[in-house]
Amino acid sequence: MNATVYSSISLLVLGVVYLVDLEFLSSFLHLSPADAMFIEGLIFIIVGLVFLVGKGGISRTSLSAAMMAAKAKAIYGRDIVGPNEIFQQDAWKARGFTRTALILIFSGALMILVYFVTL
């Protein structure tokens, strides 16, 4: 179900980008729509991969709590309560735009495929 939705949205994006290329790029630039599709396909794939990576990691407050626990352990010579609970909550979670990334990557792949088909 999700693959069908993503592929249909990607085909819609492909159609819109192709119509925009036909309308604007062919009159302003001396690029064929297929060449523009190849360049845009590469850009879509790169932007999709960046969206897929997302953000995550240990926050600054968790890092400072870990540093304070390490300093206290060095000073007092014994284990003290550390930020384990915080680290369990603050584990790396991908918070990227996964759906948008998949649509962009699939649209970019289709654009590159259109370029090679029209050669």
PDB file of N, CA and C in Angstrom:
ATOM      1  N   MET A   1       0.821  -1.191   0.000  1.00  0.00           N
ATOM      2  CA  MET A   1       0.000   0.000   0.000  1.00  0.00           C
ATOM      3  C   MET A   1       0.866   1.255   0.000  1.00  0.00           C
ATOM      4  N   ASN A   2       1.851   1.308   0.900  1.00  0.00           N
ATOM      5  CA  ASN A   2       2.711   2.491   0.967  1.00  0.00           C
ATOM      6  C   ASN A   2       3.539   2.650  -0.302  1.00  0.00           C
ATOM      7  N   ALA A   3       4.007   1.540  -0.858  1.00  0.00           N
ATOM      8  CA  ALA A   3       4.800   1.625  -2.082  1.00  0.00           C
ATOM      9  C   ALA A   3       3.968   2.174  -3.229  1.00  0.00           C
ATOM     10  N   THR A   4       2.718   1.812  -3.273  1.00  0.00           N
ATOM     11  CA  THR A   4       1.836   2.324  -4.316  1.00  0.00           C
ATOM     12  C   THR A   4       1.618   3.828  -4.152  1.00  0.00           C
ATOM     13  N   VAL A   5       1.418   4.259  -2.927  1.00  0.00           N
ATOM     14  CA  VAL A   5       1.216   5.689  -2.667  1.00  0.00           C
ATOM     15  C   VAL A   5       2.477   6.470  -3.011  1.00  0.00           C
ATOM     16  N   TYR A   6       3.637   5.972  -2.563  1.00  0.00           N
ATOM     17  CA  TYR A   6       4.895   6.670  -2.846  1.00  0.00           C
ATOM     18  C   TYR A   6       5.180   6.715  -4.336  1.00  0.00           C
ATOM     19  N   SER A   7       4.931   5.619  -5.041  1.00  0.00           N
ATOM     20  CA  SER A   7       5.211   5.612  -6.472  1.00  0.00           C
ATOM     21  C   SER A   7       4.244   6.508  -7.226  1.00  0.00           C
ATOM     22  N   SER A   8       2.983   6.564  -6.810  1.00  0.00           N
ATOM     23  CA  SER A   8       2.043   7.453  -7.502  1.00  0.00           C
ATOM     24  C   SER A   8       2.371   8.920  -7.246  1.00  0.00           C
ATOM     25  N   ILE A   9       2.771   9.253  -6.033  1.00  0.00           N
ATOM     26  CA  ILE A   9       3.185  10.632  -5.745  1.00  0.00           C
ATOM     27  C   ILE A   9       4.456  10.963  -6.515  1.00  0.00           C
ATOM     28  N   SER A  10       5.374  10.005  -6.625  1.00  0.00           N
ATOM     29  CA  SER A  10       6.606  10.225  -7.374  1.00  0.00           C
ATOM     30  C   SER A  10       6.319  10.434  -8.858  1.00  0.00           C
ATOM     31  N   LEU A  11       5.381   9.687  -9.396  1.00  0.00           N
ATOM     32  CA  LEU A  11       4.993   9.882 -10.796  1.00  0.00           C
ATOM     33  C   LEU A  11       4.341  11.246 -10.992  1.00  0.00           C
ATOM     34  N   LEU A  12       3.563  11.679 -10.028  1.00  0.00           N
ATOM     35  CA  LEU A  12       2.954  13.006 -10.095  1.00  0.00           C
ATOM     36  C   LEU A  12       4.035  14.094 -10.059  1.00  0.00           C
ATOM     37  N   VAL A  13       5.016  13.928  -9.176  1.00  0.00           N
ATOM     38  CA  VAL A  13       6.133  14.880  -9.113  1.00  0.00           C
ATOM     39  C   VAL A  13       6.898  14.876 -10.432  1.00  0.00           C
ATOM     40  N   LEU A  14       7.111  13.704 -10.997  1.00  0.00           N
ATOM     41  CA  LEU A  14       7.812  13.592 -12.270  1.00  0.00           C
ATOM     42  C   LEU A  14       7.061  14.336 -13.366  1.00  0.00           C
ATOM     43  N   GLY A  15       5.747  14.172 -13.416  1.00  0.00           N
ATOM     44  CA  GLY A  15       4.952  14.864 -14.430  1.00  0.00           C
ATOM     45  C   GLY A  15       4.991  16.369 -14.273  1.00  0.00           C
ATOM     46  N   VAL A  16       4.894  16.839 -13.042  1.00  0.00           N
ATOM     47  CA  VAL A  16       4.926  18.281 -12.799  1.00  0.00           C
ATOM     48  C   VAL A  16       6.285  18.861 -13.178  1.00  0.00           C
ATOM     49  N   VAL A  17       7.346  18.191 -12.785  1.00  0.00           N
ATOM     50  CA  VAL A  17       8.688  18.687 -13.105  1.00  0.00           C
ATOM     51  C   VAL A  17       8.914  18.676 -14.610  1.00  0.00           C
ATOM     52  N   TYR A  18       8.425  17.658 -15.298  1.00  0.00           N
ATOM     53  CA  TYR A  18       8.593  17.597 -16.754  1.00  0.00           C
ATOM     54  C   TYR A  18       7.832  18.733 -17.433  1.00  0.00           C
ATOM     55  N   LEU A  19       6.611  19.025 -16.969  1.00  0.00           N
ATOM     56  CA  LEU A  19       5.851  20.131 -17.550  1.00  0.00           C
ATOM     57  C   LEU A  19       6.521  21.477 -17.275  1.00  0.00           C
ATOM     58  N   VAL A  20       7.073  21.631 -16.091  1.00  0.00           N
ATOM     59  CA  VAL A  20       7.791  22.869 -15.777  1.00  0.00           C
ATOM     60  C   VAL A  20       9.043  22.984 -16.652  1.00  0.00           C
ATOM     61  N   ASP A  21       9.725  21.872 -16.866  1.00  0.00           N
ATOM     62  CA  ASP A  21      10.898  21.892 -17.747  1.00  0.00           C
ATOM     63  C   ASP A  21      10.520  22.265 -19.171  1.00  0.00           C
ATOM     64  N   LEU A  22       9.429  21.711 -19.664  1.00  0.00           N
ATOM     65  CA  LEU A  22       8.984  22.039 -21.023  1.00  0.00           C
ATOM     66  C   LEU A  22       8.612  23.509 -21.142  1.00  0.00           C
ATOM     67  N   GLU A  23       7.975  24.036 -20.129  1.00  0.00           N
ATOM     68  CA  GLU A  23       7.480  25.409 -20.190  1.00  0.00           C
ATOM     69  C   GLU A  23       8.590  26.441 -20.000  1.00  0.00           C
ATOM     70  N   PHE A  24       9.405  26.261 -18.988  1.00  0.00           N
ATOM     71  CA  PHE A  24      10.344  27.320 -18.627  1.00  0.00           C
ATOM     72  C   PHE A  24      11.767  27.084 -19.094  1.00  0.00           C
ATOM     73  N   LEU A  25      12.304  25.902 -18.873  1.00  0.00           N
ATOM     74  CA  LEU A  25      13.724  25.689 -19.152  1.00  0.00           C
ATOM     75  C   LEU A  25      14.031  25.657 -20.640  1.00  0.00           C
ATOM     76  N   SER A  26      13.124  25.172 -21.443  1.00  0.00           N
ATOM     77  CA  SER A  26      13.410  25.109 -22.862  1.00  0.00           C
ATOM     78  C   SER A  26      13.431  26.502 -23.493  1.00  0.00           C
ATOM     79  N   SER A  27      12.708  27.454 -22.902  1.00  0.00           N
ATOM     80  CA  SER A  27      12.704  28.799 -23.470  1.00  0.00           C
ATOM     81  C   SER A  27      13.831  29.665 -22.915  1.00  0.00           C
ATOM     82  N   PHE A  28      14.207  29.464 -21.653  1.00  0.00           N
ATOM     83  CA  PHE A  28      15.234  30.307 -21.061  1.00  0.00           C
ATOM     84  C   PHE A  28      16.640  29.745 -21.220  1.00  0.00           C
ATOM     85  N   LEU A  29      16.795  28.472 -21.021  1.00  0.00           N
ATOM     86  CA  LEU A  29      18.101  27.840 -21.147  1.00  0.00           C
ATOM     87  C   LEU A  29      18.148  27.016 -22.420  1.00  0.00           C
ATOM     88  N   HIS A  30      19.318  26.737 -22.852  1.00  0.00           N
ATOM     89  CA  HIS A  30      19.466  25.917 -24.050  1.00  0.00           C
ATOM     90  C   HIS A  30      19.684  24.466 -23.661  1.00  0.00           C
ATOM     91  N   LEU A  31      18.832  23.977 -22.777  1.00  0.00           N
ATOM     92  CA  LEU A  31      18.857  22.578 -22.354  1.00  0.00           C
ATOM     93  C   LEU A  31      17.607  21.897 -22.870  1.00  0.00           C
ATOM     94  N   SER A  32      17.761  20.665 -23.264  1.00  0.00           N
ATOM     95  CA  SER A  32      16.562  19.900 -23.595  1.00  0.00           C
ATOM     96  C   SER A  32      15.894  19.484 -22.286  1.00  0.00           C
ATOM     97  N   PRO A  33      14.612  19.213 -22.308  1.00  0.00           N
ATOM     98  CA  PRO A  33      13.946  18.781 -21.072  1.00  0.00           C
ATOM     99  C   PRO A  33      14.539  17.497 -20.499  1.00  0.00           C
ATOM    100  N   ALA A  34      15.042  16.626 -21.353  1.00  0.00           N
ATOM    101  CA  ALA A  34      15.643  15.379 -20.863  1.00  0.00           C
ATOM    102  C   ALA A  34      16.940  15.659 -20.104  1.00  0.00           C
ATOM    103  N   ASP A  35      17.761  16.583 -20.633  1.00  0.00           N
ATOM    104  CA  ASP A  35      18.998  16.932 -19.923  1.00  0.00           C
ATOM    105  C   ASP A  35      18.695  17.587 -18.576  1.00  0.00           C
ATOM    106  N   ALA A  36      17.684  18.441 -18.559  1.00  0.00           N
ATOM    107  CA  ALA A  36      17.289  19.070 -17.296  1.00  0.00           C
ATOM    108  C   ALA A  36      16.765  18.024 -16.317  1.00  0.00           C
ATOM    109  N   MET A  37      16.055  17.017 -16.839  1.00  0.00           N
ATOM    110  CA  MET A  37      15.542  15.953 -15.971  1.00  0.00           C
ATOM    111  C   MET A  37      16.686  15.170 -15.331  1.00  0.00           C
ATOM    112  N   PHE A  38      17.765  14.950 -16.067  1.00  0.00           N
ATOM    113  CA  PHE A  38      18.907  14.231 -15.508  1.00  0.00           C
ATOM    114  C   PHE A  38      19.518  15.018 -14.355  1.00  0.00           C
ATOM    115  N   ILE A  39      19.728  16.311 -14.567  1.00  0.00           N
ATOM    116  CA  ILE A  39      20.319  17.150 -13.524  1.00  0.00           C
ATOM    117  C   ILE A  39      19.385  17.229 -12.319  1.00  0.00           C
ATOM    118  N   GLU A  40      18.103  17.417 -12.571  1.00  0.00           N
ATOM    119  CA  GLU A  40      17.147  17.486 -11.471  1.00  0.00           C
ATOM    120  C   GLU A  40      17.014  16.143 -10.762  1.00  0.00           C
ATOM    121  N   GLY A  41      17.138  15.054 -11.502  1.00  0.00           N
ATOM    122  CA  GLY A  41      17.092  13.733 -10.890  1.00  0.00           C
ATOM    123  C   GLY A  41      18.236  13.530  -9.907  1.00  0.00           C
ATOM    124  N   LEU A  42      19.430  13.968 -10.297  1.00  0.00           N
ATOM    125  CA  LEU A  42      20.567  13.877  -9.381  1.00  0.00           C
ATOM    126  C   LEU A  42      20.349  14.743  -8.144  1.00  0.00           C
ATOM    127  N   ILE A  43      19.822  15.939  -8.352  1.00  0.00           N
ATOM    128  CA  ILE A  43      19.566  16.834  -7.221  1.00  0.00           C
ATOM    129  C   ILE A  43      18.511  16.233  -6.300  1.00  0.00           C
ATOM    130  N   PHE A  44      17.447  15.660  -6.877  1.00  0.00           N
ATOM    131  CA  PHE A  44      16.393  15.055  -6.064  1.00  0.00           C
ATOM    132  C   PHE A  44      16.941  13.894  -5.241  1.00  0.00           C
ATOM    133  N   ILE A  45      17.800  13.079  -5.833  1.00  0.00           N
ATOM    134  CA  ILE A  45      18.364  11.942  -5.095  1.00  0.00           C
ATOM    135  C   ILE A  45      19.244  12.427  -3.945  1.00  0.00           C
ATOM    136  N   ILE A  46      20.069  13.424  -4.205  1.00  0.00           N
ATOM    137  CA  ILE A  46      20.951  13.943  -3.150  1.00  0.00           C
ATOM    138  C   ILE A  46      20.140  14.566  -2.021  1.00  0.00           C
ATOM    139  N   VAL A  47      19.143  15.375  -2.365  1.00  0.00           N
ATOM    140  CA  VAL A  47      18.308  15.999  -1.337  1.00  0.00           C
ATOM    141  C   VAL A  47      17.519  14.934  -0.576  1.00  0.00           C
ATOM    142  N   GLY A  48      17.048  13.903  -1.274  1.00  0.00           N
ATOM    143  CA  GLY A  48      16.331  12.814  -0.618  1.00  0.00           C
ATOM    144  C   GLY A  48      17.211  12.064   0.365  1.00  0.00           C
ATOM    145  N   LEU A  49      18.469  11.827  -0.010  1.00  0.00           N
ATOM    146  CA  LEU A  49      19.386  11.158   0.916  1.00  0.00           C
ATOM    147  C   LEU A  49      19.677  12.014   2.137  1.00  0.00           C
ATOM    148  N   VAL A  50      19.784  13.317   1.934  1.00  0.00           N
ATOM    149  CA  VAL A  50      20.009  14.211   3.073  1.00  0.00           C
ATOM    150  C   VAL A  50      18.797  14.203   4.001  1.00  0.00           C
ATOM    151  N   PHE A  51      17.589  14.215   3.426  1.00  0.00           N
ATOM    152  CA  PHE A  51      16.385  14.130   4.252  1.00  0.00           C
ATOM    153  C   PHE A  51      16.292  12.794   4.966  1.00  0.00           C
ATOM    154  N   LEU A  52      16.780  11.740   4.342  1.00  0.00           N
ATOM    155  CA  LEU A  52      16.687  10.411   4.926  1.00  0.00           C
ATOM    156  C   LEU A  52      17.606  10.261   6.136  1.00  0.00           C
ATOM    157  N   VAL A  53      18.745  10.927   6.104  1.00  0.00           N
ATOM    158  CA  VAL A  53      19.682  10.837   7.217  1.00  0.00           C
ATOM    159  C   VAL A  53      19.060  11.407   8.479  1.00  0.00           C
ATOM    160  N   GLY A  54      18.413  12.548   8.357  1.00  0.00           N
ATOM    161  CA  GLY A  54      17.721  13.127   9.505  1.00  0.00           C
ATOM    162  C   GLY A  54      18.676  13.709  10.518  1.00  0.00           C
ATOM    163  N   LYS A  55      18.151  13.865  11.697  1.00  0.00           N
ATOM    164  CA  LYS A  55      18.965  14.390  12.786  1.00  0.00           C
ATOM    165  C   LYS A  55      18.744  13.513  14.001  1.00  0.00           C
ATOM    166  N   GLY A  56      19.640  13.564  14.905  1.00  0.00           N
ATOM    167  CA  GLY A  56      19.521  12.760  16.106  1.00  0.00           C
ATOM    168  C   GLY A  56      20.815  12.824  16.879  1.00  0.00           C
ATOM    169  N   GLY A  57      20.913  12.045  17.918  1.00  0.00           N
ATOM    170  CA  GLY A  57      22.132  12.002  18.689  1.00  0.00           C
ATOM    171  C   GLY A  57      21.941  12.462  20.113  1.00  0.00           C
ATOM    172  N   ILE A  58      23.033  12.663  20.758  1.00  0.00           N
ATOM    173  CA  ILE A  58      23.035  13.043  22.165  1.00  0.00           C
ATOM    174  C   ILE A  58      22.949  14.563  22.248  1.00  0.00           C
ATOM    175  N   SER A  59      22.041  15.042  23.066  1.00  0.00           N
ATOM    176  CA  SER A  59      21.879  16.486  23.203  1.00  0.00           C
ATOM    177  C   SER A  59      23.036  17.059  24.025  1.00  0.00           C
ATOM    178  N   ARG A  60      23.112  18.378  24.026  1.00  0.00           N
ATOM    179  CA  ARG A  60      24.189  19.042  24.772  1.00  0.00           C
ATOM    180  C   ARG A  60      24.040  18.849  26.275  1.00  0.00           C
ATOM    181  N   THR A  61      22.815  18.828  26.746  1.00  0.00           N
ATOM    182  CA  THR A  61      22.617  18.639  28.186  1.00  0.00           C
ATOM    183  C   THR A  61      23.035  17.238  28.616  1.00  0.00           C
ATOM    184  N   SER A  62      22.762  16.228  27.792  1.00  0.00           N
ATOM    185  CA  SER A  62      23.193  14.870  28.116  1.00  0.00           C
ATOM    186  C   SER A  62      24.712  14.761  28.080  1.00  0.00           C
ATOM    187  N   LEU A  63      25.325  15.441  27.135  1.00  0.00           N
ATOM    188  CA  LEU A  63      26.781  15.424  27.045  1.00  0.00           C
ATOM    189  C   LEU A  63      27.404  16.108  28.257  1.00  0.00           C
ATOM    190  N   SER A  64      26.837  17.221  28.676  1.00  0.00           N
ATOM    191  CA  SER A  64      27.407  17.901  29.841  1.00  0.00           C
ATOM    192  C   SER A  64      27.184  17.077  31.115  1.00  0.00           C
ATOM    193  N   ALA A  65      26.054  16.359  31.216  1.00  0.00           N
ATOM    194  CA  ALA A  65      25.823  15.486  32.372  1.00  0.00           C
ATOM    195  C   ALA A  65      26.830  14.338  32.384  1.00  0.00           C
ATOM    196  N   ALA A  66      27.148  13.804  31.238  1.00  0.00           N
ATOM    197  CA  ALA A  66      28.140  12.731  31.164  1.00  0.00           C
ATOM    198  C   ALA A  66      29.524  13.247  31.535  1.00  0.00           C
ATOM    199  N   MET A  67      29.857  14.454  31.101  1.00  0.00           N
ATOM    200  CA  MET A  67      31.153  15.044  31.446  1.00  0.00           C
ATOM    201  C   MET A  67      31.248  15.309  32.952  1.00  0.00           C
ATOM    202  N   MET A  68      30.168  15.791  33.542  1.00  0.00           N
ATOM    203  CA  MET A  68      30.176  16.026  34.990  1.00  0.00           C
ATOM    204  C   MET A  68      30.312  14.718  35.757  1.00  0.00           C
ATOM    205  N   ALA A  69      29.663  13.656  35.286  1.00  0.00           N
ATOM    206  CA  ALA A  69      29.772  12.355  35.953  1.00  0.00           C
ATOM    207  C   ALA A  69      31.196  11.816  35.829  1.00  0.00           C
ATOM    208  N   ALA A  70      31.829  12.015  34.682  1.00  0.00           N
ATOM    209  CA  ALA A  70      33.202  11.553  34.502  1.00  0.00           C
ATOM    210  C   ALA A  70      34.165  12.355  35.389  1.00  0.00           C
ATOM    211  N   LYS A  71      33.942  13.662  35.494  1.00  0.00           N
ATOM    212  CA  LYS A  71      34.794  14.484  36.363  1.00  0.00           C
ATOM    213  C   LYS A  71      34.626  14.094  37.829  1.00  0.00           C
ATOM    214  N   ALA A  72      33.382  13.863  38.244  1.00  0.00           N
ATOM    215  CA  ALA A  72      33.136  13.475  39.630  1.00  0.00           C
ATOM    216  C   ALA A  72      33.750  12.116  39.930  1.00  0.00           C
ATOM    217  N   LYS A  73      33.724  11.204  38.973  1.00  0.00           N
ATOM    218  CA  LYS A  73      34.339   9.890  39.172  1.00  0.00           C
ATOM    219  C   LYS A  73      35.848  10.041  39.309  1.00  0.00           C
ATOM    220  N   ALA A  74      36.440  10.941  38.514  1.00  0.00           N
ATOM    221  CA  ALA A  74      37.881  11.163  38.598  1.00  0.00           C
ATOM    222  C   ALA A  74      38.262  11.813  39.923  1.00  0.00           C
ATOM    223  N   ILE A  75      37.443  12.715  40.417  1.00  0.00           N
ATOM    224  CA  ILE A  75      37.764  13.422  41.663  1.00  0.00           C
ATOM    225  C   ILE A  75      37.554  12.523  42.874  1.00  0.00           C
ATOM    226  N   TYR A  76      36.408  11.849  42.960  1.00  0.00           N
ATOM    227  CA  TYR A  76      36.071  11.064  44.138  1.00  0.00           C
ATOM    228  C   TYR A  76      36.552   9.624  44.062  1.00  0.00           C
ATOM    229  N   GLY A  77      36.941   9.155  42.906  1.00  0.00           N
ATOM    230  CA  GLY A  77      37.492   7.812  42.774  1.00  0.00           C
ATOM    231  C   GLY A  77      36.478   6.685  42.850  1.00  0.00           C
ATOM    232  N   ARG A  78      35.227   6.986  42.805  1.00  0.00           N
ATOM    233  CA  ARG A  78      34.216   5.925  42.820  1.00  0.00           C
ATOM    234  C   ARG A  78      33.090   6.301  41.863  1.00  0.00           C
ATOM    235  N   ASP A  79      32.305   5.284  41.535  1.00  0.00           N
ATOM    236  CA  ASP A  79      31.191   5.524  40.613  1.00  0.00           C
ATOM    237  C   ASP A  79      30.090   6.308  41.310  1.00  0.00           C
ATOM    238  N   ILE A  80      29.557   7.220  40.592  1.00  0.00           N
ATOM    239  CA  ILE A  80      28.405   7.964  41.092  1.00  0.00           C
ATOM    240  C   ILE A  80      27.284   7.831  40.070  1.00  0.00           C
ATOM    241  N   VAL A  81      26.135   8.355  40.454  1.00  0.00           N
ATOM    242  CA  VAL A  81      24.992   8.261  39.544  1.00  0.00           C
ATOM    243  C   VAL A  81      25.291   9.087  38.302  1.00  0.00           C
ATOM    244  N   GLY A  82      25.201   8.425  37.178  1.00  0.00           N
ATOM    245  CA  GLY A  82      25.483   9.093  35.907  1.00  0.00           C
ATOM    246  C   GLY A  82      24.228   9.333  35.101  1.00  0.00           C
ATOM    247  N   PRO A  83      24.393   9.772  33.895  1.00  0.00           N
ATOM    248  CA  PRO A  83      23.244  10.125  33.065  1.00  0.00           C
ATOM    249  C   PRO A  83      22.699   8.948  32.249  1.00  0.00           C
ATOM    250  N   ASN A  84      22.722   7.733  32.827  1.00  0.00           N
ATOM    251  CA  ASN A  84      22.263   6.570  32.076  1.00  0.00           C
ATOM    252  C   ASN A  84      20.799   6.698  31.665  1.00  0.00           C
ATOM    253  N   GLU A  85      19.973   7.207  32.576  1.00  0.00           N
ATOM    254  CA  GLU A  85      18.561   7.349  32.247  1.00  0.00           C
ATOM    255  C   GLU A  85      18.375   8.341  31.107  1.00  0.00           C
ATOM    256  N   ILE A  86      19.153   9.397  31.143  1.00  0.00           N
ATOM    257  CA  ILE A  86      19.057  10.408  30.087  1.00  0.00           C
ATOM    258  C   ILE A  86      19.520   9.817  28.765  1.00  0.00           C
ATOM    259  N   PHE A  87      20.600   9.037  28.795  1.00  0.00           N
ATOM    260  CA  PHE A  87      21.092   8.446  27.554  1.00  0.00           C
ATOM    261  C   PHE A  87      20.103   7.443  26.968  1.00  0.00           C
ATOM    262  N   GLN A  88      19.380   6.748  27.826  1.00  0.00           N
ATOM    263  CA  GLN A  88      18.388   5.812  27.306  1.00  0.00           C
ATOM    264  C   GLN A  88      17.268   6.557  26.601  1.00  0.00           C
ATOM    265  N   GLN A  89      16.878   7.717  27.100  1.00  0.00           N
ATOM    266  CA  GLN A  89      15.836   8.497  26.448  1.00  0.00           C
ATOM    267  C   GLN A  89      16.372   9.245  25.243  1.00  0.00           C
ATOM    268  N   ASP A  90      17.640   9.606  25.274  1.00  0.00           N
ATOM    269  CA  ASP A  90      18.225  10.467  24.267  1.00  0.00           C
ATOM    270  C   ASP A  90      19.025   9.673  23.239  1.00  0.00           C
ATOM    271  N   ALA A  91      18.685   8.411  23.055  1.00  0.00           N
ATOM    272  CA  ALA A  91      19.401   7.595  22.078  1.00  0.00           C
ATOM    273  C   ALA A  91      19.145   8.140  20.685  1.00  0.00           C
ATOM    274  N   TRP A  92      20.008   7.766  19.764  1.00  0.00           N
ATOM    275  CA  TRP A  92      19.890   8.285  18.401  1.00  0.00           C
ATOM    276  C   TRP A  92      18.617   7.778  17.779  1.00  0.00           C
ATOM    277  N   LYS A  93      17.818   8.705  17.328  1.00  0.00           N
ATOM    278  CA  LYS A  93      16.583   8.369  16.630  1.00  0.00           C
ATOM    279  C   LYS A  93      16.563   9.157  15.336  1.00  0.00           C
ATOM    280  N   ALA A  94      16.273   8.471  14.271  1.00  0.00           N
ATOM    281  CA  ALA A  94      16.172   9.169  13.001  1.00  0.00           C
ATOM    282  C   ALA A  94      14.897  10.000  13.004  1.00  0.00           C
ATOM    283  N   ARG A  95      15.051  11.283  12.924  1.00  0.00           N
ATOM    284  CA  ARG A  95      13.898  12.170  12.891  1.00  0.00           C
ATOM    285  C   ARG A  95      13.813  12.863  11.548  1.00  0.00           C
ATOM    286  N   GLY A  96      14.291  12.211  10.533  1.00  0.00           N
ATOM    287  CA  GLY A  96      14.276  12.813   9.217  1.00  0.00           C
ATOM    288  C   GLY A  96      12.903  12.755   8.597  1.00  0.00           C
ATOM    289  N   PHE A  97      12.790  13.336   7.466  1.00  0.00           N
ATOM    290  CA  PHE A  97      11.543  13.322   6.730  1.00  0.00           C
ATOM    291  C   PHE A  97      11.551  12.096   5.823  1.00  0.00           C
ATOM    292  N   THR A  98      11.230  10.946   6.395  1.00  0.00           N
ATOM    293  CA  THR A  98      11.399   9.685   5.700  1.00  0.00           C
ATOM    294  C   THR A  98      10.512   9.589   4.471  1.00  0.00           C
ATOM    295  N   ARG A  99       9.259   9.960   4.603  1.00  0.00           N
ATOM    296  CA  ARG A  99       8.350   9.865   3.454  1.00  0.00           C
ATOM    297  C   ARG A  99       8.770  10.799   2.339  1.00  0.00           C
ATOM    298  N   THR A 100       9.106  12.019   2.702  1.00  0.00           N
ATOM    299  CA  THR A 100       9.556  12.979   1.697  1.00  0.00           C
ATOM    300  C   THR A 100      10.838  12.503   1.040  1.00  0.00           C
ATOM    301  N   ALA A 101      11.730  11.937   1.831  1.00  0.00           N
ATOM    302  CA  ALA A 101      12.989  11.444   1.291  1.00  0.00           C
ATOM    303  C   ALA A 101      12.754  10.305   0.300  1.00  0.00           C
ATOM    304  N   LEU A 102      11.889   9.380   0.646  1.00  0.00           N
ATOM    305  CA  LEU A 102      11.607   8.268  -0.263  1.00  0.00           C
ATOM    306  C   LEU A 102      10.960   8.748  -1.554  1.00  0.00           C
ATOM    307  N   ILE A 103      10.067   9.700  -1.449  1.00  0.00           N
ATOM    308  CA  ILE A 103       9.434  10.244  -2.651  1.00  0.00           C
ATOM    309  C   ILE A 103      10.461  10.955  -3.526  1.00  0.00           C
ATOM    310  N   LEU A 104      11.341  11.739  -2.913  1.00  0.00           N
ATOM    311  CA  LEU A 104      12.368  12.443  -3.690  1.00  0.00           C
ATOM    312  C   LEU A 104      13.351  11.475  -4.339  1.00  0.00           C
ATOM    313  N   ILE A 105      13.759  10.459  -3.618  1.00  0.00           N
ATOM    314  CA  ILE A 105      14.711   9.492  -4.177  1.00  0.00           C
ATOM    315  C   ILE A 105      14.071   8.726  -5.332  1.00  0.00           C
ATOM    316  N   PHE A 106      12.835   8.293  -5.152  1.00  0.00           N
ATOM    317  CA  PHE A 106      12.161   7.551  -6.211  1.00  0.00           C
ATOM    318  C   PHE A 106      11.891   8.453  -7.415  1.00  0.00           C
ATOM    319  N   SER A 107      11.518   9.714  -7.165  1.00  0.00           N
ATOM    320  CA  SER A 107      11.307  10.656  -8.268  1.00  0.00           C
ATOM    321  C   SER A 107      12.611  10.914  -9.018  1.00  0.00           C
ATOM    322  N   GLY A 108      13.702  11.060  -8.282  1.00  0.00           N
ATOM    323  CA  GLY A 108      14.996  11.263  -8.922  1.00  0.00           C
ATOM    324  C   GLY A 108      15.418  10.075  -9.759  1.00  0.00           C
ATOM    325  N   ALA A 109      15.162   8.881  -9.245  1.00  0.00           N
ATOM    326  CA  ALA A 109      15.495   7.683 -10.026  1.00  0.00           C
ATOM    327  C   ALA A 109      14.646   7.606 -11.292  1.00  0.00           C
ATOM    328  N   LEU A 110      13.384   7.964 -11.187  1.00  0.00           N
ATOM    329  CA  LEU A 110      12.529   7.974 -12.374  1.00  0.00           C
ATOM    330  C   LEU A 110      12.979   9.035 -13.379  1.00  0.00           C
ATOM    331  N   MET A 111      13.433  10.183 -12.892  1.00  0.00           N
ATOM    332  CA  MET A 111      13.917  11.230 -13.793  1.00  0.00           C
ATOM    333  C   MET A 111      15.150  10.774 -14.556  1.00  0.00           C
ATOM    334  N   ILE A 112      16.048  10.106 -13.854  1.00  0.00           N
ATOM    335  CA  ILE A 112      17.251   9.588 -14.527  1.00  0.00           C
ATOM    336  C   ILE A 112      16.861   8.491 -15.511  1.00  0.00           C
ATOM    337  N   LEU A 113      15.891   7.676 -15.162  1.00  0.00           N
ATOM    338  CA  LEU A 113      15.408   6.648 -16.072  1.00  0.00           C
ATOM    339  C   LEU A 113      14.789   7.272 -17.321  1.00  0.00           C
ATOM    340  N   VAL A 114      14.019   8.343 -17.152  1.00  0.00           N
ATOM    341  CA  VAL A 114      13.443   9.051 -18.301  1.00  0.00           C
ATOM    342  C   VAL A 114      14.541   9.603 -19.189  1.00  0.00           C
ATOM    343  N   TYR A 115      15.599  10.118 -18.596  1.00  0.00           N
ATOM    344  CA  TYR A 115      16.715  10.633 -19.382  1.00  0.00           C
ATOM    345  C   TYR A 115      17.327   9.539 -20.250  1.00  0.00           C
ATOM    346  N   PHE A 116      17.580   8.375 -19.666  1.00  0.00           N
ATOM    347  CA  PHE A 116      18.213   7.314 -20.442  1.00  0.00           C
ATOM    348  C   PHE A 116      17.271   6.687 -21.456  1.00  0.00           C
ATOM    349  N   VAL A 117      15.973   6.734 -21.197  1.00  0.00           N
ATOM    350  CA  VAL A 117      15.009   6.201 -22.169  1.00  0.00           C
ATOM    351  C   VAL A 117      14.903   7.122 -23.387  1.00  0.00           C
ATOM    352  N   THR A 118      15.018   8.431 -23.163  1.00  0.00           N
ATOM    353  CA  THR A 118      14.865   9.380 -24.266  1.00  0.00           C
ATOM    354  C   THR A 118      16.140   9.598 -25.065  1.00  0.00           C
ATOM    355  N   LEU A 119      17.222   8.963 -24.701  1.00  0.00           N
ATOM    356  CA  LEU A 119      18.463   9.127 -25.482  1.00  0.00           C
ATOM    357  C   LEU A 119      18.371   8.521 -26.842  1.00  0.00           C
TER     358      LEU A 119
END
